[in-house]
Amino acid sequence: MATNFTKELEWRGMIHDTMPGVEEHLQKATRAAYVGIDPTANSLHIGHLVSVMMLRHFQEAGHQPIALLGGATGMIGDPSGKSQERNLLNESILRENEAAIKTQLSKFLDFDTPSKNKAELVNNYDWMKSISFLEFIRDIGKHLTVNYMMAKDSVKKRISGDSGADGMSFTEFSYQLVQGNDFLHLFNEHQCTIQMGGSDQWGNITTGTELIRRKEGGKAFAITCPLITKADGSKFGKTEGGNIWLDPKKTSPYKFYQYWLNSSDEDAEKYIKIFTMLSKEDVDELISTHHEAPHLRQLQKRLAEEVTVMVHSKAALETALKASKILFGKSTEEDIKSLNSQEIFDIFDGVPTATIARSEIEEGIGIINALAAKTGFLASNGQARRELKGNAISVNKTKVKEDFTITSEQLINDQFVLLGKGKKNNYLIVVE
């Protein structure tokens, strides 16, 4: 096998808990392990990446990774740290989400290799939809006591009200049985003996291992990874705009790249191990180099590059780098004109904006008027003249003088004009 799976995860800081005997179990033969993924959206977000990377390392180590979409469990809601139940999905939306998620997973896992460690994608809706309630309580429910289920931390928190919720429905209480049945199904149908997930899933995973032991007399194992947190206490994978998605239509490659680039030093040292496939030697060297000159942010740059290429492509990374150069570095009018409208909106998200009628641009607007009265970018005509005399003003990254007039010739994508003061102050004119 290419690598020792558990040792690889250990140095990367990706193991929180393992059941005794799992290391020996992995050494004896090619094994199958699965991770559950919520299919309630048509894209993964970076909160899913830790468990997806676990599956990737598992396949790299010569074992078989299985991604399980919770089509059935996604209709119920998981009590682990959540105070709200999920919405019911219909099957057509579920299948659309499944197809989109498989496309994203294909960038991490090999679903086409002829070898026996070929990745598999399964959906628990496919075996749960035909099971009646009576069959379920007869064949599954009888094997686990209520006492056993009540002892789980996730259940105790919901019932005691510690999570801020008003108790717990029977639907959610039964979640661990449904998840345990998934493990049992994969154990019997795919010879899957390991379930992996976040540390908050330990209770649900061990319910599955116990169900397999009691019903089949089989041995199964659990491996969990730590829940990723940010050094400043804010939630990993979240911004003011919401989740950081893998779908470029939901989160542009530029914003995706910027999320990783803006990691703190402490977080970057952690993320470079978890979210890239760089070797230990390369990571150690990068961290060492970073400590020598942290102001250069080489660690964050390499992290952002690696993850952006892995999730999107080299071409998407080039666009993200070009966008960063436009905002923060030296760039030309040609650089800006090479971007499409959506990329411009993404890059200049949060930059002050003014909307000007197309007829005014066609007539021509003097630069002093454009800087002050028309946009409020600068406080007054006097300030505009001073900045122009100091050679601080640019239009589409080209320096201009007091006699400059903005016309339709300056429009980028027939819609935008970018004003600049110095290196970091930008203002976007949108023409309608």
Protein backbone atom coordinates (compact mmCIF):
# COMPACT_ATOMS: atom_id res chain seq x y z
CA MET A 1 0.00 0.00 0.00
CA ALA A 2 1.19 3.49 -0.88
CA THR A 3 0.94 4.98 2.62
CA ASN A 4 0.02 4.00 6.15
CA PHE A 5 -3.41 5.55 6.44
CA THR A 6 -3.60 6.25 10.17
CA LYS A 7 0.00 7.49 10.38
CA GLU A 8 -0.66 9.83 7.43
CA LEU A 9 -3.73 11.25 9.16
CA GLU A 10 -1.95 11.55 12.51
CA TRP A 11 0.82 13.87 11.30
CA ARG A 12 -1.77 15.93 9.46
CA GLY A 13 -3.78 16.43 12.67
CA MET A 14 -6.78 14.65 11.18
CA ILE A 15 -7.49 12.03 13.83
CA HIS A 16 -9.59 12.71 16.91
CA ASP A 17 -10.58 9.19 17.95
CA THR A 18 -10.20 5.63 16.67
CA MET A 19 -11.62 2.38 17.94
CA PRO A 20 -9.02 -0.11 19.23
CA GLY A 21 -7.78 -2.56 16.63
CA VAL A 22 -8.37 -0.42 13.55
CA GLU A 23 -4.67 -0.15 12.68
CA GLU A 24 -4.22 -3.92 12.71
CA HIS A 25 -7.46 -4.33 10.75
CA LEU A 26 -6.17 -2.02 7.99
CA GLN A 27 -2.86 -3.82 7.70
CA LYS A 28 -4.41 -7.23 6.99
CA ALA A 29 -6.26 -6.53 3.74
CA THR A 30 -7.81 -3.91 1.47
CA ARG A 31 -10.69 -2.43 3.46
CA ALA A 32 -13.72 -0.27 2.65
CA ALA A 33 -14.63 2.82 4.67
CA TYR A 34 -17.41 5.33 4.25
CA VAL A 35 -18.26 8.92 5.09
CA GLY A 36 -21.79 10.32 5.16
CA ILE A 37 -22.54 13.51 3.25
CA ASP A 38 -25.66 15.68 3.52
CA PRO A 39 -27.22 16.08 0.03
CA THR A 40 -29.59 18.93 0.89
CA ALA A 41 -27.69 21.31 -1.44
CA ASN A 42 -26.43 20.81 -4.98
CA SER A 43 -22.86 21.54 -3.92
CA LEU A 44 -20.42 20.61 -1.21
CA HIS A 45 -18.90 23.41 0.85
CA ILE A 46 -15.48 23.49 2.48
CA GLY A 47 -16.95 22.19 5.73
CA HIS A 48 -17.26 18.83 3.90
CA LEU A 49 -13.62 18.84 2.82
CA VAL A 50 -12.08 17.27 5.93
CA SER A 51 -14.06 14.04 5.60
CA VAL A 52 -13.61 14.07 1.80
CA MET A 53 -9.85 14.39 2.30
CA MET A 54 -10.01 11.43 4.70
CA LEU A 55 -11.57 9.38 1.89
CA ARG A 56 -8.89 10.57 -0.52
CA HIS A 57 -6.08 9.53 1.83
CA PHE A 58 -7.88 6.22 2.35
CA GLN A 59 -7.85 5.55 -1.41
CA GLU A 60 -4.22 6.71 -1.70
CA ALA A 61 -3.38 4.11 0.96
CA GLY A 62 -4.83 1.39 -1.29
CA HIS A 63 -8.23 1.04 0.38
CA GLN A 64 -11.74 1.58 -1.00
CA PRO A 65 -13.53 4.86 -0.18
CA ILE A 66 -17.33 5.03 -0.16
CA ALA A 67 -19.20 8.34 -0.12
CA LEU A 68 -22.70 7.88 1.24
CA LEU A 69 -25.24 10.55 0.41
CA GLY A 70 -27.85 10.77 3.13
CA GLY A 71 -30.91 11.03 0.90
CA ALA A 72 -33.03 9.39 3.59
CA THR A 73 -31.30 10.83 6.66
CA GLY A 74 -31.18 14.26 5.01
CA MET A 75 -34.96 14.23 5.18
CA ILE A 76 -34.88 13.72 8.96
CA GLY A 77 -32.24 15.92 10.57
CA ASP A 78 -29.29 14.98 12.75
CA PRO A 79 -29.36 15.93 16.45
CA SER A 80 -25.55 16.26 16.64
CA GLY A 81 -25.11 19.89 17.67
CA LYS A 82 -28.06 21.14 15.64
CA SER A 83 -31.17 22.74 17.07
CA GLN A 84 -33.35 22.60 13.96
CA GLU A 85 -34.68 19.73 11.88
CA ARG A 86 -33.99 19.70 8.16
CA ASN A 87 -36.52 20.25 5.41
CA LEU A 88 -37.94 17.37 3.42
CA LEU A 89 -36.40 16.90 -0.04
CA ASN A 90 -38.29 15.46 -2.96
CA GLU A 91 -36.61 12.73 -4.98
CA SER A 92 -36.02 14.74 -8.17
CA ILE A 93 -34.10 17.44 -6.27
CA LEU A 94 -32.24 14.73 -4.37
CA ARG A 95 -31.08 13.11 -7.63
CA GLU A 96 -29.99 16.46 -9.09
CA ASN A 97 -27.96 17.16 -5.96
CA GLU A 98 -26.47 13.65 -6.09
CA ALA A 99 -25.22 14.14 -9.67
CA ALA A 100 -23.70 17.53 -8.87
CA ILE A 101 -21.97 16.25 -5.73
CA LYS A 102 -20.51 13.24 -7.58
CA THR A 103 -18.96 15.59 -10.14
CA GLN A 104 -17.28 17.49 -7.31
CA LEU A 105 -16.15 14.33 -5.52
CA SER A 106 -14.56 13.12 -8.76
CA LYS A 107 -11.88 15.75 -8.29
CA PHE A 108 -10.81 14.02 -5.09
CA LEU A 109 -11.69 10.35 -5.60
CA ASP A 110 -11.14 7.93 -8.49
CA PHE A 111 -14.50 6.42 -9.44
CA ASP A 112 -13.13 4.89 -12.67
CA THR A 113 -10.04 2.89 -11.69
CA PRO A 114 -10.31 -0.81 -12.58
CA SER A 115 -8.62 -1.78 -9.30
CA LYS A 116 -10.58 -3.05 -6.32
CA ASN A 117 -10.17 0.21 -4.41
CA LYS A 118 -12.40 2.06 -6.89
CA ALA A 119 -14.41 4.78 -5.14
CA GLU A 120 -18.17 4.27 -4.81
CA LEU A 121 -21.03 6.71 -4.36
CA VAL A 122 -24.17 5.36 -2.70
CA ASN A 123 -27.41 6.95 -1.49
CA ASN A 124 -29.16 5.58 1.59
CA TYR A 125 -32.52 6.57 0.11
CA ASP A 126 -32.09 3.67 -2.33
CA TRP A 127 -32.35 1.04 0.41
CA MET A 128 -34.37 2.95 2.98
CA LYS A 129 -37.28 3.93 0.71
CA SER A 130 -38.66 0.37 0.50
CA ILE A 131 -38.38 -0.47 4.22
CA SER A 132 -41.66 -0.22 6.12
CA PHE A 133 -41.81 1.14 9.65
CA LEU A 134 -42.82 -2.29 10.99
CA GLU A 135 -39.89 -3.94 9.24
CA PHE A 136 -37.52 -1.33 10.61
CA ILE A 137 -38.54 -1.64 14.25
CA ARG A 138 -38.62 -5.44 13.94
CA ASP A 139 -35.26 -5.90 12.16
CA ILE A 140 -33.26 -2.96 13.51
CA GLY A 141 -34.95 -1.33 16.50
CA LYS A 142 -35.06 -4.48 18.62
CA HIS A 143 -31.27 -4.80 18.70
CA LEU A 144 -30.58 -1.55 20.59
CA THR A 145 -32.12 -0.48 23.88
CA VAL A 146 -33.52 2.96 24.60
CA ASN A 147 -31.03 3.16 27.49
CA TYR A 148 -28.16 2.70 25.01
CA MET A 149 -29.53 5.36 22.67
CA MET A 150 -30.25 7.84 25.48
CA ALA A 151 -26.67 7.59 26.71
CA LYS A 152 -25.34 9.32 23.56
CA ASP A 153 -24.06 12.85 24.24
CA SER A 154 -25.86 14.30 21.22
CA VAL A 155 -29.18 12.96 22.51
CA LYS A 156 -28.58 14.06 26.10
CA LYS A 157 -27.78 17.62 24.99
CA ARG A 158 -30.98 17.93 22.98
CA ILE A 159 -33.21 16.46 25.68
CA SER A 160 -31.66 18.56 28.47
CA GLY A 161 -32.03 21.70 26.37
CA ASP A 162 -28.28 22.47 26.43
CA SER A 163 -28.27 23.02 22.67
CA GLY A 164 -30.95 25.69 22.86
CA ALA A 165 -33.62 23.44 21.33
CA ASP A 166 -37.04 22.61 22.70
CA GLY A 167 -36.48 18.93 23.31
CA MET A 168 -36.14 16.32 20.61
CA SER A 169 -38.65 14.71 18.27
CA PHE A 170 -38.94 10.95 17.85
CA THR A 171 -37.83 11.48 14.24
CA GLU A 172 -34.51 12.89 15.35
CA PHE A 173 -34.17 10.37 18.15
CA SER A 174 -34.38 7.61 15.55
CA TYR A 175 -31.58 9.19 13.49
CA GLN A 176 -28.85 7.09 15.05
CA LEU A 177 -30.81 3.92 14.22
CA VAL A 178 -31.13 4.98 10.59
CA GLN A 179 -27.42 5.82 10.41
CA GLY A 180 -26.60 2.56 12.16
CA ASN A 181 -28.67 0.74 9.55
CA ASP A 182 -26.61 2.44 6.81
CA PHE A 183 -23.43 1.01 8.31
CA LEU A 184 -25.08 -2.41 8.60
CA HIS A 185 -26.21 -2.27 4.96
CA LEU A 186 -22.74 -1.29 3.72
CA PHE A 187 -21.16 -3.95 5.95
CA ASN A 188 -23.34 -6.64 4.35
CA GLU A 189 -23.47 -5.36 0.76
CA HIS A 190 -20.06 -3.69 0.33
CA GLN A 191 -17.96 -5.41 3.00
CA CYS A 192 -17.48 -1.96 4.54
CA THR A 193 -15.99 -2.24 8.02
CA ILE A 194 -15.10 1.39 8.87
CA GLN A 195 -17.12 4.58 9.18
CA MET A 196 -15.35 7.95 9.33
CA GLY A 197 -16.65 11.40 10.17
CA GLY A 198 -16.34 14.42 12.44
CA SER A 199 -15.87 13.97 16.17
CA ASP A 200 -19.51 15.02 16.71
CA GLN A 201 -20.51 11.83 14.86
CA TRP A 202 -18.81 9.43 17.29
CA GLY A 203 -22.09 8.47 18.98
CA ASN A 204 -23.89 7.75 15.70
CA ILE A 205 -20.92 5.83 14.27
CA THR A 206 -20.52 3.63 17.32
CA THR A 207 -24.26 2.88 17.22
CA GLY A 208 -23.54 1.36 13.81
CA THR A 209 -20.61 -0.70 15.07
CA GLU A 210 -22.77 -1.96 17.96
CA LEU A 211 -25.64 -2.84 15.62
CA ILE A 212 -23.26 -4.83 13.40
CA ARG A 213 -21.90 -6.65 16.45
CA ARG A 214 -25.33 -7.52 17.86
CA LYS A 215 -27.12 -8.38 14.62
CA GLU A 216 -24.33 -9.97 12.56
CA GLY A 217 -21.69 -10.83 15.13
CA GLY A 218 -19.31 -8.76 13.00
CA LYS A 219 -16.50 -6.40 13.84
CA ALA A 220 -16.61 -2.82 12.59
CA PHE A 221 -14.65 0.31 13.44
CA ALA A 222 -14.95 4.08 13.87
CA ILE A 223 -12.44 6.82 13.00
CA THR A 224 -13.24 10.48 13.65
CA CYS A 225 -11.45 13.71 12.79
CA PRO A 226 -11.43 16.91 14.87
CA LEU A 227 -14.02 19.58 14.12
CA ILE A 228 -12.19 22.39 12.37
CA THR A 229 -12.21 25.73 14.16
CA LYS A 230 -10.55 29.06 13.42
CA ALA A 231 -8.01 30.59 15.77
CA ASP A 232 -10.10 33.73 16.25
CA GLY A 233 -13.12 31.71 17.32
CA SER A 234 -15.18 32.36 14.19
CA LYS A 235 -16.67 29.44 12.30
CA PHE A 236 -14.52 27.70 9.72
CA GLY A 237 -15.92 27.90 6.20
CA LYS A 238 -18.26 30.79 6.90
CA THR A 239 -18.09 34.42 5.81
CA GLU A 240 -20.57 37.28 6.05
CA GLY A 241 -21.93 36.02 2.74
CA GLY A 242 -22.48 32.48 4.06
CA ASN A 243 -20.80 29.17 3.20
CA ILE A 244 -17.70 28.86 1.01
CA TRP A 245 -19.02 26.51 -1.67
CA LEU A 246 -17.12 24.28 -4.10
CA ASP A 247 -19.50 25.23 -6.91
CA PRO A 248 -17.94 28.23 -8.75
CA LYS A 249 -21.43 29.62 -9.39
CA LYS A 250 -22.07 29.82 -5.64
CA THR A 251 -18.57 30.94 -4.59
CA SER A 252 -16.32 32.28 -7.35
CA PRO A 253 -12.77 30.87 -7.61
CA TYR A 254 -11.53 34.37 -6.71
CA LYS A 255 -13.51 34.48 -3.44
CA PHE A 256 -12.56 30.84 -2.79
CA TYR A 257 -8.87 31.68 -3.24
CA GLN A 258 -9.15 34.77 -1.06
CA TYR A 259 -10.73 32.78 1.79
CA TRP A 260 -7.63 30.60 2.11
CA LEU A 261 -5.23 33.47 1.42
CA ASN A 262 -6.69 35.41 4.33
CA SER A 263 -6.05 32.60 6.84
CA SER A 264 -4.19 33.57 9.99
CA ASP A 265 -0.65 32.19 10.45
CA GLU A 266 -1.91 29.73 13.06
CA ASP A 267 -4.77 28.51 10.87
CA ALA A 268 -2.60 28.28 7.74
CA GLU A 269 -0.19 25.92 9.53
CA LYS A 270 -3.12 23.68 10.36
CA TYR A 271 -4.94 23.95 7.02
CA ILE A 272 -1.88 23.22 4.85
CA LYS A 273 -1.72 19.75 6.43
CA ILE A 274 -5.44 19.00 6.25
CA PHE A 275 -6.53 20.48 2.93
CA THR A 276 -3.58 19.74 0.62
CA MET A 277 -1.80 16.58 -0.51
CA LEU A 278 1.65 18.08 0.08
CA SER A 279 4.15 15.72 1.72
CA LYS A 280 5.31 16.12 5.31
CA GLU A 281 8.73 17.24 4.07
CA ASP A 282 7.21 19.94 1.85
CA VAL A 283 4.87 21.12 4.61
CA ASP A 284 7.65 21.27 7.21
CA GLU A 285 9.83 23.27 4.81
CA LEU A 286 6.99 25.67 4.00
CA ILE A 287 6.23 26.27 7.68
CA SER A 288 9.92 26.82 8.42
CA THR A 289 10.25 29.30 5.54
CA HIS A 290 7.11 31.07 6.71
CA HIS A 291 8.47 31.47 10.26
CA GLU A 292 11.57 33.20 8.83
CA ALA A 293 9.52 35.80 6.95
CA PRO A 294 5.84 35.64 8.00
CA HIS A 295 5.10 39.03 6.41
CA LEU A 296 5.53 37.47 2.96
CA ARG A 297 2.63 35.08 3.70
CA GLN A 298 4.20 32.33 1.59
CA LEU A 299 2.32 29.69 3.57
CA GLN A 300 -1.08 31.26 2.89
CA LYS A 301 -0.24 31.74 -0.79
CA ARG A 302 0.75 28.11 -1.27
CA LEU A 303 -2.29 26.91 0.68
CA ALA A 304 -4.66 29.03 -1.42
CA GLU A 305 -3.00 27.89 -4.66
CA GLU A 306 -3.09 24.18 -3.81
CA VAL A 307 -6.72 24.11 -2.67
CA THR A 308 -7.97 26.28 -5.54
CA VAL A 309 -6.32 24.03 -8.16
CA MET A 310 -7.59 20.88 -6.45
CA VAL A 311 -11.20 22.11 -6.19
CA HIS A 312 -11.37 24.17 -9.40
CA SER A 313 -8.46 24.13 -11.90
CA LYS A 314 -5.16 25.77 -12.80
CA ALA A 315 -7.07 28.11 -15.13
CA ALA A 316 -9.35 29.15 -12.24
CA LEU A 317 -6.28 29.82 -10.10
CA GLU A 318 -4.81 32.02 -12.84
CA THR A 319 -8.04 34.04 -12.93
CA ALA A 320 -8.00 34.38 -9.14
CA LEU A 321 -4.36 35.54 -9.19
CA LYS A 322 -5.12 38.02 -11.94
CA ALA A 323 -8.07 39.34 -9.94
CA SER A 324 -5.89 39.73 -6.84
CA LYS A 325 -3.30 41.57 -8.89
CA ILE A 326 -5.99 43.97 -10.16
CA LEU A 327 -7.14 44.77 -6.63
CA PHE A 328 -3.86 44.83 -4.76
CA GLY A 329 -0.93 44.90 -7.18
CA LYS A 330 0.32 46.24 -10.47
CA SER A 331 -2.02 45.50 -13.33
CA THR A 332 -3.02 46.95 -16.68
CA GLU A 333 -6.20 47.91 -18.49
CA GLU A 334 -5.78 44.73 -20.55
CA ASP A 335 -5.88 42.65 -17.33
CA ILE A 336 -9.20 44.17 -16.33
CA LYS A 337 -10.71 43.88 -19.79
CA SER A 338 -9.94 40.16 -19.84
CA LEU A 339 -12.43 39.55 -17.00
CA ASN A 340 -16.11 38.82 -17.50
CA SER A 341 -18.86 40.78 -15.74
CA GLN A 342 -19.39 38.21 -12.96
CA GLU A 343 -15.66 38.13 -12.18
CA ILE A 344 -15.64 41.93 -11.96
CA PHE A 345 -18.61 41.92 -9.55
CA ASP A 346 -16.86 39.25 -7.45
CA ILE A 347 -13.52 41.07 -7.37
CA PHE A 348 -15.02 44.41 -6.46
CA ASP A 349 -17.58 43.08 -4.02
CA GLY A 350 -17.59 45.55 -1.16
CA VAL A 351 -15.86 48.28 -3.20
CA PRO A 352 -17.92 51.54 -3.30
CA THR A 353 -20.09 51.69 -6.42
CA ALA A 354 -22.12 54.30 -8.28
CA THR A 355 -24.61 53.77 -11.10
CA ILE A 356 -24.51 56.25 -13.98
CA ALA A 357 -26.84 56.44 -16.97
CA ARG A 358 -25.40 55.24 -20.28
CA SER A 359 -26.44 58.49 -21.97
CA GLU A 360 -24.15 60.48 -19.64
CA ILE A 361 -21.16 58.27 -20.43
CA GLU A 362 -21.85 58.56 -24.15
CA GLU A 363 -21.85 62.37 -23.83
CA GLY A 364 -18.65 62.21 -21.77
CA ILE A 365 -18.00 63.00 -18.10
CA GLY A 366 -15.01 65.06 -17.04
CA ILE A 367 -12.73 63.24 -14.60
CA ILE A 368 -13.16 65.86 -11.83
CA ASN A 369 -16.94 65.56 -12.07
CA ALA A 370 -16.66 61.75 -12.11
CA LEU A 371 -14.46 61.68 -9.00
CA ALA A 372 -16.57 64.04 -6.91
CA ALA A 373 -20.09 65.15 -7.84
CA LYS A 374 -21.12 62.08 -9.83
CA THR A 375 -19.80 59.40 -7.46
CA GLY A 376 -18.70 60.89 -4.15
CA PHE A 377 -15.47 58.88 -4.47
CA LEU A 378 -13.63 62.04 -3.44
CA ALA A 379 -15.10 64.67 -1.14
CA SER A 380 -14.81 67.69 -3.43
CA ASN A 381 -13.62 69.03 -6.76
CA GLY A 382 -10.67 70.56 -4.91
CA GLN A 383 -9.55 67.19 -3.57
CA ALA A 384 -10.00 65.71 -7.04
CA ARG A 385 -7.71 68.36 -8.56
CA ARG A 386 -5.06 67.84 -5.85
CA GLU A 387 -5.04 64.07 -6.36
CA LEU A 388 -4.88 64.48 -10.14
CA LYS A 389 -1.95 66.89 -9.87
CA GLY A 390 -0.22 64.38 -7.60
CA ASN A 391 -0.60 61.72 -10.31
CA ALA A 392 -2.65 59.55 -7.91
CA ILE A 393 -5.76 58.98 -10.06
CA SER A 394 -6.27 56.17 -12.56
CA VAL A 395 -9.09 55.09 -14.84
CA ASN A 396 -9.05 51.33 -15.52
CA LYS A 397 -5.52 51.24 -14.00
CA THR A 398 -4.18 53.89 -16.38
CA LYS A 399 -3.04 57.21 -14.83
CA VAL A 400 -4.98 60.28 -16.03
CA LYS A 401 -4.74 64.09 -15.81
CA GLU A 402 -7.26 66.87 -15.15
CA ASP A 403 -8.31 67.18 -18.78
CA PHE A 404 -9.36 63.50 -19.06
CA THR A 405 -12.95 62.68 -20.08
CA ILE A 406 -14.63 59.32 -19.43
CA THR A 407 -16.56 58.09 -22.48
CA SER A 408 -18.00 54.79 -23.70
CA GLU A 409 -14.49 53.94 -24.95
CA GLN A 410 -13.47 53.32 -21.33
CA LEU A 411 -16.27 50.83 -20.64
CA ILE A 412 -15.16 47.36 -19.56
CA ASN A 413 -17.57 44.72 -20.86
CA ASP A 414 -19.72 47.62 -22.00
CA GLN A 415 -20.73 48.12 -18.36
CA PHE A 416 -17.95 49.21 -15.97
CA VAL A 417 -15.36 51.91 -15.36
CA LEU A 418 -12.82 51.47 -12.56
CA LEU A 419 -11.58 54.58 -10.78
CA GLY A 420 -8.52 54.34 -8.59
CA LYS A 421 -6.71 56.55 -6.04
CA GLY A 422 -3.27 55.30 -5.18
CA LYS A 423 -2.71 51.55 -4.95
CA LYS A 424 -5.56 50.42 -2.72
CA ASN A 425 -8.53 52.76 -3.12
CA ASN A 426 -10.93 51.64 -5.84
CA TYR A 427 -14.35 52.82 -6.99
CA LEU A 428 -16.54 51.09 -9.53
CA ILE A 429 -18.87 52.92 -11.90
CA VAL A 430 -21.67 50.70 -13.21
CA VAL A 431 -23.34 51.95 -16.37
CA GLU A 432 -26.99 51.16 -16.99
